[in-house]
Amino acid sequence: MFNWCFIHPGTRSLVIAHETKASNHLFDMTKLMWEEWPLRPGFTEKHNSMKSLGWQENRSSMSVATAKNAGSGRSFTYHAVHLSECAFWKSPNA
């Protein structure tokens, strides 16, 4: 999903994990990828919050949420979504 943001400028992506611990881990992995990414000097963070990264130059962003929050993924238009561990969600059809 991280690479998706750079291959497709102007997109929003979302990863939803089955629990908070997993979503924290996935976002930590995303931040590590950003910190170690070889092309990073060409990009500037637009925002870097607890669960979201965005870049000014390509206007893309990536967010991580948890399935325990019924509102995860609502109120935004996402171009790519990854539903991590969907089989373990409490209410995958909600």
Protein backbone atom coordinates (compact mmCIF):
# COMPACT_ATOMS: atom_id res chain seq x y z
CA MET A 1 0.00 0.00 0.00
CA PHE A 2 2.93 2.30 0.74
CA ASN A 3 4.26 1.89 -2.81
CA TRP A 4 0.75 2.38 -4.22
CA CYS A 5 0.79 5.95 -2.89
CA PHE A 6 3.83 6.79 -4.99
CA ILE A 7 2.90 4.86 -8.14
CA HIS A 8 -0.52 6.59 -8.20
CA PRO A 9 -0.20 10.29 -7.29
CA GLY A 10 -3.21 12.01 -5.76
CA THR A 11 -4.61 8.88 -4.14
CA ARG A 12 -5.71 7.95 -0.65
CA SER A 13 -5.09 4.48 0.67
CA LEU A 14 -6.31 2.76 3.81
CA VAL A 15 -5.27 -0.35 5.70
CA ILE A 16 -7.76 -1.72 8.24
CA ALA A 17 -6.50 -4.25 10.78
CA HIS A 18 -8.54 -6.56 13.00
CA GLU A 19 -7.37 -5.05 16.31
CA THR A 20 -5.58 -1.99 17.67
CA LYS A 21 -2.31 -3.82 18.35
CA ALA A 22 -2.15 -5.01 14.74
CA SER A 23 -3.02 -1.58 13.32
CA ASN A 24 -0.27 0.00 15.45
CA HIS A 25 2.20 -2.57 14.16
CA LEU A 26 1.18 -1.98 10.53
CA PHE A 27 1.54 1.77 10.92
CA ASP A 28 4.94 1.35 12.60
CA MET A 29 6.02 -0.72 9.58
CA THR A 30 4.74 2.04 7.27
CA LYS A 31 6.70 4.69 9.16
CA LEU A 32 9.83 2.54 9.01
CA MET A 33 9.41 2.15 5.25
CA TRP A 34 9.06 5.94 4.94
CA GLU A 35 12.13 6.58 7.11
CA GLU A 36 14.28 4.14 5.13
CA TRP A 37 12.86 4.80 1.65
CA PRO A 38 15.66 5.71 -0.80
CA LEU A 39 13.53 8.29 -2.68
CA ARG A 40 12.53 10.10 0.53
CA PRO A 41 14.72 13.19 -0.10
CA GLY A 42 12.46 14.03 -3.07
CA PHE A 43 9.30 14.07 -0.93
CA THR A 44 8.06 16.23 1.93
CA GLU A 45 5.55 15.12 4.54
CA LYS A 46 2.23 16.91 4.27
CA HIS A 47 1.12 15.30 7.51
CA ASN A 48 2.43 12.64 9.86
CA SER A 49 0.00 11.78 12.62
CA MET A 50 -0.71 8.79 14.82
CA LYS A 51 -2.31 6.82 11.98
CA SER A 52 -1.75 8.75 8.76
CA LEU A 53 1.06 9.83 6.44
CA GLY A 54 0.71 12.19 3.51
CA TRP A 55 3.08 13.76 1.00
CA GLN A 56 3.00 17.22 -0.58
CA GLU A 57 4.66 16.50 -3.92
CA ASN A 58 2.33 13.75 -5.08
CA ARG A 59 -0.74 14.64 -2.93
CA SER A 60 -1.14 11.01 -1.80
CA SER A 61 -1.78 9.70 1.70
CA MET A 62 -1.93 6.44 3.60
CA SER A 63 -3.96 5.78 6.74
CA VAL A 64 -4.22 2.82 9.10
CA ALA A 65 -7.34 2.06 11.14
CA THR A 66 -8.88 -0.74 13.18
CA ALA A 67 -11.98 -2.76 12.36
CA LYS A 68 -13.15 -2.37 15.96
CA ASN A 69 -14.16 1.18 15.05
CA ALA A 70 -17.34 0.87 12.98
CA GLY A 71 -16.61 4.25 11.37
CA SER A 72 -13.21 3.26 9.99
CA GLY A 73 -13.01 4.19 6.36
CA ARG A 74 -16.14 6.35 6.36
CA SER A 75 -16.41 9.95 5.16
CA PHE A 76 -13.45 9.72 2.77
CA THR A 77 -12.91 8.48 -0.75
CA TYR A 78 -10.22 5.81 -0.82
CA HIS A 79 -8.62 4.56 -4.02
CA ALA A 80 -6.99 1.49 -2.46
CA VAL A 81 -8.00 -0.42 0.68
CA HIS A 82 -6.37 -3.43 2.29
CA LEU A 83 -8.50 -5.38 4.81
CA SER A 84 -5.91 -7.10 6.97
CA GLU A 85 -6.90 -10.30 8.82
CA CYS A 86 -10.53 -9.86 7.76
CA ALA A 87 -11.34 -13.40 8.89
CA PHE A 88 -10.68 -12.29 12.48
CA TRP A 89 -12.87 -9.18 12.42
CA LYS A 90 -15.70 -9.26 14.94
CA SER A 91 -18.25 -8.00 12.38
CA PRO A 92 -16.73 -8.12 8.88
CA ASN A 93 -20.11 -7.37 7.24
CA ALA A 94 -20.78 -4.23 9.31
